[in-house]
């Protein structure tokens, strides 16, 4: 029988009168104290504690059982969250905290996920940085900021961003975004406002001022050359 089929009751001390593996979840066991369902817990933990009929369930043992059950539920929650998408240790810890798990249960769940290889901050940070910089075109500053928000240590974030940045030219990346944005600003006649909008767009993407300045300077040169090139094609020199 599952815990849902039993009348809700508070975990209690006393003599264990029966134990029963739950039908819905064979990894859990129901503990009955003095003829009444008391609580459910992981079967593995119950076996380790040698819980059996006739054993006295005192306050200390009850606390151990409830802690083991909370750790089990925290691990299950962590697995569900990681099945949805890859997460950093800090991000997963925050989600477990918001779900109401204690510090001890969260630490145990995180340690288990790391041991199983499901939680790897270095791998997470690298995948995140490659997506943001290579696919979305974000600059170093924004990627570092976002990694920090994900709970990645500054030293690791710097190391990963440096690795992902190898062989990349940030000015070229910023220029590509500026070209794309400039196409949507063609009807804006005020050059100053156009430059301000382009600057703001690149800044929000996380590019540093010197990178933005270089990219916009190159874009300005390309813009100046466009009419000249177009005229040459329409009216070639004899």
Foldseek 3Di string as FASTA:
>chain_A
DDPVVFDDDAADWAFFAAKAQDPVDNQKIWTAHPNHTHDMAGPVVCVVVVDGGGDTGDPVNSVVRVLRRLLVVLLVVLVVVLVVDQAALQQSLVVSVVVPRDPVSSVSNSVVCVVVVSHDLLVVLLVQLCCLCVPVLADLQVSLVVSVVRVRDSVSNVVSNVVSCVPPDNLVSLLVVLVVVVVVCVPPPDPVVNLVVSLVVNVVSPDDPVSSVSSVVVVVVVVVCVVVVVVCVVPPDD
